[in-house]
Protein backbone atom coordinates (compact mmCIF):
# COMPACT_ATOMS: atom_id res chain seq x y z
CA MET A 1 23.02 16.22 18.61
CA TYR A 2 21.06 17.79 15.88
CA ARG A 3 21.06 15.13 14.01
CA GLY A 4 19.12 13.30 16.65
CA LYS A 5 16.47 15.98 16.58
CA TYR A 6 15.61 16.03 13.08
CA ILE A 7 15.33 12.15 12.91
CA GLY A 8 13.01 12.44 15.67
CA LYS A 9 11.43 15.40 14.13
CA TYR A 10 10.84 13.67 10.59
CA ILE A 11 9.79 10.49 12.19
CA GLY A 12 7.22 11.88 13.74
CA LYS A 13 5.93 13.48 10.88
CA TYR A 14 6.03 10.59 8.68
CA ILE A 15 4.18 8.61 10.79
CA GLY A 16 1.62 11.59 11.20
CA ILE A 17 1.44 11.63 15.18
CA SER A 18 3.31 13.36 18.07
CA ILE A 19 4.07 11.81 20.97
CA MET A 20 1.40 13.97 22.84
CA ASN A 21 -1.50 12.81 20.81
CA ARG A 22 -3.73 10.60 22.33
CA ILE A 23 -5.61 9.00 19.35
CA ASN A 24 -2.89 7.93 16.74
CA VAL A 25 -3.61 8.04 13.14
CA THR A 26 -2.97 4.44 13.02
CA ARG A 27 -2.26 1.26 15.46
CA SER A 28 -0.67 -2.03 14.52
CA SER A 29 -2.63 -5.00 14.76
CA MET A 30 -0.71 -7.63 17.06
CA PRO A 31 -1.96 -10.95 18.60
CA THR A 32 -1.53 -11.71 22.33
CA LEU A 33 1.88 -12.05 23.66
CA GLU A 34 0.83 -15.59 24.76
CA GLU A 35 0.04 -16.38 21.26
CA TYR A 36 3.06 -15.03 19.43
CA THR A 37 5.56 -16.49 22.35
CA LYS A 38 4.15 -19.97 21.33
CA GLU A 39 4.41 -19.13 17.85
CA ILE A 40 7.90 -18.78 17.93
CA GLU A 41 8.90 -21.14 20.43
CA GLY A 42 9.89 -23.89 18.06
CA LEU A 43 12.75 -21.40 16.42
CA PHE A 44 14.75 -21.43 19.79
CA GLU A 45 15.28 -24.96 19.54
CA SER A 46 16.01 -25.20 15.81
CA HIS A 47 17.87 -21.95 15.61
CA TRP A 48 16.71 -21.66 12.00
CA LEU A 49 15.96 -17.85 11.68
CA THR A 50 15.70 -17.13 8.01
CA ASN A 51 16.34 -18.84 4.58
CA ALA A 52 13.05 -19.88 4.09
CA GLY A 53 12.29 -22.00 7.33
CA ALA A 54 9.58 -23.66 8.48
CA LYS A 55 7.62 -20.66 9.34
CA HIS A 56 8.38 -18.88 6.23
CA GLU A 57 7.01 -21.99 4.19
CA GLU A 58 3.72 -22.19 6.32
CA LEU A 59 3.31 -18.54 6.01
CA LYS A 60 3.87 -18.72 1.91
CA GLU A 61 1.18 -21.28 1.65
CA LYS A 62 -1.74 -19.56 3.89
CA LEU A 63 -1.23 -16.72 1.99
CA ARG A 64 -1.59 -18.34 -1.33
CA ASP A 65 -4.66 -19.66 -0.29
CA TYR A 66 -6.27 -16.64 1.53
CA LEU A 67 -5.53 -14.44 -0.98
CA GLY A 68 -6.57 -16.57 -3.85
CA VAL A 69 -3.52 -16.53 -6.01
CA ASN A 70 -1.62 -19.16 -8.18
CA ALA A 71 1.52 -18.80 -6.40
CA LEU A 72 3.79 -15.90 -4.29
CA ALA A 73 7.22 -15.51 -2.80
CA LEU A 74 7.84 -13.60 0.67
CA THR A 75 10.11 -10.65 0.65
CA VAL A 76 11.53 -8.36 3.50
CA ASN A 77 9.20 -5.59 2.94
CA GLY A 78 6.95 -4.22 0.20
CA HIS A 79 9.27 -1.86 -1.83
CA LEU A 80 11.62 -4.88 -2.32
CA ALA A 81 8.86 -6.86 -3.90
CA LEU A 82 8.31 -4.37 -6.20
CA GLU A 83 11.73 -4.11 -7.51
CA LEU A 84 12.06 -7.85 -7.61
CA ALA A 85 8.73 -7.86 -9.86
CA LEU A 86 10.52 -5.20 -12.21
CA GLN A 87 13.64 -7.54 -12.29
CA LEU A 88 11.68 -10.68 -12.98
CA LEU A 89 10.18 -9.19 -15.80
CA ASP A 90 13.39 -8.02 -17.31
CA LEU A 91 12.29 -4.82 -18.70
CA PRO A 92 14.87 -2.90 -21.23
CA GLU A 93 16.97 -0.28 -19.17
CA GLY A 94 15.24 3.40 -19.50
CA GLY A 95 11.93 1.99 -20.52
CA GLU A 96 9.17 3.90 -19.54
CA VAL A 97 6.91 2.94 -16.87
CA ILE A 98 3.23 4.32 -17.28
CA THR A 99 2.32 4.99 -13.19
CA THR A 100 0.50 7.26 -10.70
CA PRO A 101 1.65 10.50 -9.11
CA PHE A 102 -0.41 9.91 -6.28
CA THR A 103 1.03 7.14 -4.23
CA PHE A 104 3.54 6.77 -2.00
CA VAL A 105 7.23 7.19 -2.82
CA SER A 106 8.05 3.32 -2.73
CA THR A 107 6.26 3.34 -6.17
CA THR A 108 8.26 5.57 -7.92
CA HIS A 109 11.35 4.74 -6.23
CA ALA A 110 11.22 1.34 -7.17
CA ILE A 111 11.06 2.04 -11.08
CA VAL A 112 14.09 4.09 -10.98
CA ARG A 113 15.96 2.33 -8.92
CA SER A 114 15.59 -0.52 -11.58
CA GLY A 115 16.98 1.61 -14.18
CA LEU A 116 13.42 2.60 -15.93
CA LYS A 117 11.61 5.72 -16.15
CA PRO A 118 8.36 6.90 -14.42
CA VAL A 119 5.59 8.48 -16.74
CA PHE A 120 2.69 9.97 -14.92
CA THR A 121 -0.52 9.96 -15.94
CA ASP A 122 -3.33 11.48 -13.96
CA ILE A 123 -5.98 10.04 -11.31
CA ARG A 124 -9.96 9.70 -11.33
CA ARG A 125 -11.33 12.28 -8.93
CA ASP A 126 -13.75 9.92 -7.09
CA ASP A 127 -11.10 6.83 -6.14
CA CYS A 128 -7.61 8.44 -6.56
CA THR A 129 -6.67 5.55 -8.56
CA MET A 130 -5.05 5.82 -12.02
CA ASP A 131 -7.62 6.98 -15.12
CA PRO A 132 -7.55 4.30 -17.55
CA GLU A 133 -8.96 6.79 -20.15
CA LEU A 134 -5.72 8.96 -20.29
CA ILE A 135 -3.27 5.66 -20.19
CA GLU A 136 -3.14 5.13 -23.64
CA GLU A 137 -1.85 9.37 -24.64
CA LYS A 138 1.20 8.20 -22.75
CA ILE A 139 2.39 5.73 -24.49
CA THR A 140 5.14 5.83 -26.85
CA PRO A 141 7.52 3.27 -28.63
CA ASN A 142 9.36 3.25 -25.30
CA THR A 143 6.89 2.24 -22.97
CA VAL A 144 7.17 -1.32 -21.47
CA ALA A 145 4.86 -1.43 -18.50
CA ILE A 146 2.30 0.12 -16.39
CA MET A 147 2.07 -0.05 -12.73
CA PRO A 148 -0.94 1.18 -11.54
CA VAL A 149 -1.77 1.57 -7.58
CA HIS A 150 -4.82 0.71 -5.55
CA VAL A 151 -5.29 3.31 -3.40
CA TYR A 152 -6.97 3.69 -0.06
CA GLY A 153 -8.41 0.07 -0.35
CA ASN A 154 -9.78 1.71 -3.90
CA MET A 155 -8.94 -0.73 -6.73
CA CYS A 156 -8.03 0.43 -9.85
CA ASP A 157 -10.48 -0.44 -13.16
CA VAL A 158 -8.24 -3.29 -13.66
CA LYS A 159 -10.07 -4.52 -16.66
CA ARG A 160 -9.69 -1.59 -18.86
CA ILE A 161 -6.45 -1.59 -17.86
CA GLU A 162 -5.58 -5.36 -18.82
CA GLU A 163 -7.59 -4.44 -22.38
CA ILE A 164 -4.93 -1.51 -22.65
CA ALA A 165 -2.10 -3.74 -21.98
CA SER A 166 -2.79 -6.74 -23.88
CA LYS A 167 -3.69 -4.42 -27.03
CA ARG A 168 -0.37 -2.66 -26.56
CA GLY A 169 1.74 -5.80 -25.17
CA LEU A 170 2.64 -4.22 -22.04
CA LYS A 171 3.46 -5.57 -18.61
CA VAL A 172 0.82 -4.89 -15.56
CA ILE A 173 2.45 -4.72 -12.19
CA TYR A 174 0.10 -3.56 -9.47
CA ASP A 175 1.22 -1.76 -6.62
CA ALA A 176 -1.64 -3.56 -4.00
CA ALA A 177 -0.14 -2.49 -0.86
CA HIS A 178 -3.53 -1.37 0.38
CA THR A 179 -5.57 -4.01 -0.89
CA PHE A 180 -4.38 -7.15 1.36
CA GLY A 181 -7.57 -9.40 1.45
CA GLU A 182 -9.69 -7.47 -0.99
CA ARG A 183 -11.97 -9.23 -3.17
CA LEU A 184 -13.33 -7.69 -6.63
CA ASN A 185 -16.24 -9.09 -8.53
CA VAL A 186 -15.14 -9.33 -11.94
CA ASP A 187 -18.20 -10.75 -14.29
CA GLY A 188 -19.76 -12.44 -11.54
CA GLU A 189 -16.71 -14.23 -10.37
CA TRP A 190 -15.27 -12.52 -6.72
CA LYS A 191 -11.06 -12.53 -7.62
CA GLY A 192 -8.35 -11.39 -4.91
CA SER A 193 -6.75 -8.40 -5.36
CA GLY A 194 -3.56 -10.09 -5.72
CA SER A 195 -4.64 -12.13 -8.97
CA PHE A 196 -4.52 -9.30 -11.12
CA GLY A 197 -1.93 -7.99 -13.87
CA ASP A 198 1.35 -10.07 -14.97
CA LEU A 199 2.63 -9.40 -11.04
CA SER A 200 0.94 -7.83 -7.57
CA CYS A 201 2.69 -6.55 -4.82
CA PHE A 202 2.36 -6.29 -1.40
CA SER A 203 3.26 -4.37 1.83
CA PHE A 204 2.75 -6.18 5.42
CA HIS A 205 4.18 -3.17 6.84
CA ALA A 206 3.20 -2.48 10.69
CA THR A 207 0.66 0.11 9.63
CA LYS A 208 -1.11 -2.15 7.19
CA VAL A 209 -4.16 -3.93 7.79
CA TYR A 210 -2.47 -7.05 8.16
CA ASN A 211 1.40 -7.30 8.91
CA THR A 212 4.35 -9.22 9.55
CA ILE A 213 5.91 -6.06 11.35
CA GLU A 214 7.72 -5.69 8.24
CA GLY A 215 7.09 -7.74 4.94
CA GLY A 216 5.75 -8.01 1.63
CA ALA A 217 5.15 -10.60 -1.09
CA VAL A 218 4.94 -10.70 -4.75
CA CYS A 219 1.98 -12.89 -6.10
CA CYS A 220 2.46 -14.59 -9.33
CA ASN A 221 0.51 -16.29 -12.08
CA THR A 222 2.57 -19.61 -11.90
CA GLU A 223 5.25 -21.26 -9.59
CA GLU A 224 7.81 -20.88 -11.56
CA GLU A 225 7.67 -17.06 -11.58
CA ALA A 226 7.47 -17.50 -7.70
CA GLU A 227 10.29 -19.51 -7.42
CA ARG A 228 12.14 -17.13 -9.58
CA ILE A 229 11.76 -14.29 -7.11
CA ALA A 230 12.87 -16.55 -4.41
CA VAL A 231 16.29 -16.79 -5.95
CA LEU A 232 16.15 -13.02 -6.73
CA ARG A 233 15.66 -12.39 -3.19
CA ASP A 234 18.72 -13.94 -2.06
CA PHE A 235 21.21 -12.48 -3.66
CA GLY A 236 20.76 -14.56 -7.02
CA ILE A 237 21.84 -17.45 -5.42
CA LEU A 238 20.45 -20.65 -7.12
CA ASP A 239 22.75 -22.75 -5.10
CA GLU A 240 25.75 -23.57 -3.26
CA GLU A 241 28.12 -22.78 -6.44
CA THR A 242 25.74 -20.71 -8.60
CA ILE A 243 24.78 -17.19 -8.62
CA THR A 244 23.02 -16.08 -11.72
CA ASP A 245 21.51 -12.60 -11.19
CA ILE A 246 22.83 -9.43 -9.32
CA ALA A 247 20.13 -9.22 -6.72
CA PRO A 248 19.75 -7.78 -3.45
CA ASN A 249 18.78 -9.55 0.21
CA ALA A 250 15.37 -9.49 0.39
CA LYS A 251 14.15 -12.55 2.55
CA MET A 252 11.71 -12.30 4.81
CA ASN A 253 12.76 -13.85 8.58
CA GLU A 254 10.98 -16.39 10.73
CA PHE A 255 10.24 -13.96 13.61
CA SER A 256 8.61 -11.81 10.86
CA ALA A 257 6.93 -15.06 8.99
CA ALA A 258 5.55 -16.32 13.15
CA MET A 259 3.77 -12.41 13.28
CA GLY A 260 2.50 -13.16 10.33
CA LEU A 261 0.94 -16.68 10.75
CA CYS A 262 -0.62 -14.96 14.47
CA ASN A 263 -2.12 -11.95 12.41
CA LEU A 264 -3.58 -14.23 9.60
CA ARG A 265 -5.56 -16.16 12.22
CA HIS A 266 -7.34 -12.78 13.15
CA VAL A 267 -7.38 -10.58 9.84
CA ASP A 268 -11.08 -11.03 8.85
CA GLU A 269 -12.42 -9.84 12.24
CA GLU A 270 -9.65 -7.23 12.19
CA ILE A 271 -11.34 -6.30 8.96
CA ALA A 272 -14.71 -6.58 10.25
CA ARG A 273 -13.87 -3.92 13.23
CA ARG A 274 -12.56 -1.77 10.72
CA LYS A 275 -16.06 -1.96 9.13
CA LYS A 276 -17.76 -0.87 11.94
CA VAL A 277 -15.08 2.37 12.45
CA ASN A 278 -15.51 3.10 8.78
CA ASP A 279 -19.72 2.82 8.99
CA LEU A 280 -19.43 5.43 11.85
CA TYR A 281 -17.37 7.71 10.29
CA ARG A 282 -19.50 7.85 6.87
CA GLU A 283 -22.89 7.87 9.09
CA ARG A 284 -21.42 11.08 10.34
CA LEU A 285 -19.55 13.10 7.54
CA SER A 286 -21.78 11.71 4.47
CA GLY A 287 -23.27 14.74 3.17
CA VAL A 288 -21.09 17.38 5.36
CA LYS A 289 -20.46 20.83 3.05
CA GLY A 290 -17.00 20.72 2.08
CA ILE A 291 -15.89 17.08 3.05
CA ARG A 292 -15.97 14.63 0.70
CA LEU A 293 -15.68 10.95 1.17
CA CYS A 294 -14.62 8.30 -1.39
CA PRO A 295 -17.47 6.23 -3.07
CA GLU A 296 -18.04 2.84 -1.69
CA ARG A 297 -18.34 0.19 -4.29
CA SER A 298 -20.59 -2.78 -3.93
CA ASP A 299 -18.20 -4.99 -6.52
CA VAL A 300 -15.43 -4.90 -3.97
CA LYS A 301 -15.09 -6.60 -0.28
CA SER A 302 -13.39 -3.62 0.84
CA ASN A 303 -10.58 -4.08 3.79
CA TYR A 304 -11.00 -0.31 4.99
CA ALA A 305 -7.67 0.31 5.17
CA TYR A 306 -7.79 4.25 5.49
CA PHE A 307 -10.18 6.46 5.95
CA PRO A 308 -9.37 9.51 3.67
CA ILE A 309 -11.50 13.05 3.52
CA PHE A 310 -11.28 15.73 0.73
CA ILE A 311 -11.55 19.26 2.26
CA ASP A 312 -12.74 22.14 -0.35
CA ARG A 313 -11.13 25.17 1.87
CA ASP A 314 -14.21 27.32 -0.02
CA SER A 315 -17.20 25.52 1.22
CA TYR A 316 -15.93 23.98 4.59
CA GLY A 317 -14.66 27.24 5.45
CA MET A 318 -10.95 26.05 6.64
CA SER A 319 -8.06 24.33 4.23
CA ARG A 320 -7.15 21.04 5.10
CA ASP A 321 -3.62 22.52 6.88
CA GLU A 322 -5.60 24.71 9.23
CA LEU A 323 -8.02 21.29 10.00
CA PHE A 324 -5.08 19.12 10.35
CA GLU A 325 -3.35 21.58 12.81
CA ARG A 326 -6.98 22.08 14.72
CA LEU A 327 -6.68 18.00 15.03
CA LYS A 328 -3.52 17.95 16.39
CA GLU A 329 -4.07 20.42 19.03
CA ASN A 330 -6.90 18.50 20.28
CA GLY A 331 -4.49 15.22 20.42
CA ILE A 332 -5.88 13.75 17.20
CA GLY A 333 -3.06 12.45 14.64
CA ALA A 334 -3.93 12.51 11.11
CA ARG A 335 -2.08 12.47 7.99
CA LYS A 336 -1.55 14.52 4.56
CA TYR A 337 -1.53 11.14 2.74
CA PHE A 338 -0.40 11.53 0.25
CA TYR A 339 1.10 14.97 0.10
CA PRO A 340 3.23 16.36 -1.21
CA MET A 341 2.40 14.30 -4.74
CA ILE A 342 5.47 12.62 -6.35
CA THR A 343 6.16 15.28 -8.61
CA GLU A 344 6.48 17.94 -6.29
CA LEU A 345 8.92 15.89 -4.12
CA ASP A 346 12.62 17.40 -4.03
CA CYS A 347 14.06 14.35 -5.44
CA TYR A 348 11.75 14.59 -8.50
CA LYS A 349 10.31 18.13 -8.82
CA ASN A 350 13.05 19.24 -11.41
CA LEU A 351 12.12 16.44 -13.81
CA TYR A 352 8.18 16.88 -13.58
CA ASP A 353 5.47 19.31 -14.56
CA SER A 354 2.90 18.45 -11.91
CA ARG A 355 0.34 20.85 -13.98
CA GLU A 356 -0.08 17.62 -16.18
CA THR A 357 -1.73 15.81 -13.61
CA PRO A 358 -4.36 18.31 -12.00
CA VAL A 359 -6.20 16.03 -10.54
CA ALA A 360 -3.82 14.44 -8.64
CA HIS A 361 -2.09 17.72 -7.73
CA GLU A 362 -5.82 18.47 -6.54
CA ALA A 363 -6.31 15.75 -4.12
CA ALA A 364 -2.70 15.99 -2.74
CA GLU A 365 -3.65 19.70 -1.71
CA GLU A 366 -7.30 18.65 -0.27
CA VAL A 367 -6.66 14.93 1.19
CA MET A 368 -6.20 13.97 4.93
CA THR A 369 -6.46 10.59 6.33
CA ILE A 370 -7.93 10.49 9.88
CA PRO A 371 -7.33 7.89 12.55
CA MET A 372 -8.67 4.51 11.49
CA TYR A 373 -8.07 1.27 13.10
CA ALA A 374 -9.78 -2.19 14.50
CA ASP A 375 -9.81 -0.94 18.27
CA LEU A 376 -10.64 2.72 17.34
CA PRO A 377 -13.48 3.24 20.37
CA GLU A 378 -16.71 4.57 18.84
CA GLU A 379 -16.60 7.42 21.52
CA ASP A 380 -13.01 8.80 19.84
CA VAL A 381 -14.57 8.42 16.41
CA GLU A 382 -17.25 10.81 17.93
CA ARG A 383 -14.82 13.03 19.48
CA ILE A 384 -12.92 13.19 15.95
CA THR A 385 -15.71 13.86 14.10
CA GLY A 386 -17.34 16.25 16.47
CA ILE A 387 -14.16 18.56 15.65
CA LEU A 388 -14.52 18.07 11.93
CA LEU A 389 -18.40 19.01 12.23
CA ASN A 390 -17.79 22.11 14.14
CA ASN A 391 -15.44 24.05 11.94
């Protein structure tokens, strides 16, 4: 009984909402029931439910085109996409991977579970992405890769990171979970967010801009790499009699792929509606004393994945945590995302000193993501911002 209560409390805290809240911090996008049931009808005829069935293969091709990447392999979730990407690169055990402490714990867990060592570098204050000017000072003879994270839809300085990696002979794996569908203007050419680095990994979790209920993908530069991931995601099974690798079960099932096909039809509309919510927030919150927003960039076609705000207690007159509680009392879900930062989590805090990444520490203490989803009504945005403005 105690365990059940604990799990319920944990889940509620994790997703940033209470069952009493009327406005959740996020809301999963879904097709109509009729559209989804039509999509899955054939599964009841074929009985082919997993192992790269027809829906899986169709989704793979459509996502490759939509994301503008050379090749990709679908996975059961975004976390195993990261682990499979690291396994594909066959990095030496114990090698160091430079990454950020301002991310969801999956990024770091993937490195550690792959037998590698995370080395944390600080972030830029304005957009919370890895500060490229601090990367080189973290490089040692043991460094084998860089794993930057696009945060809240804010894309990293991919050009500078690529320059450093190329000069130092390092691999680059992007955690692109927050940037589905985004485009970056590089020297006059719009490129999909999954086309950078040696590999880029997406999460298609239910709370993302685009979801397959649960799912993910590894975006690759070649079909050969994608085919290799397809082997690794299936226990390393090459054929009926050959198992080449010690690898996990990370296959996407047909029902998830069907949901992905449905949601892909509507994702551009989803992003357009998110933009309207984003614009309303910015109209009401820009320039408010004590509230800092991430800047918008003309070189990025955003997906408006999240709406983070950063609270300066001294100038705002209230701490982030106090504001979080006020919103909760008014039936509004929010999330301290990412707090605590990675180096202050119980499983890592004895291994790292958070003082080495002071900008990330400050961001973690100040950040709060407020409700953001396509069908968030304007009156709810007004209600949320009304509370923020009347502190």
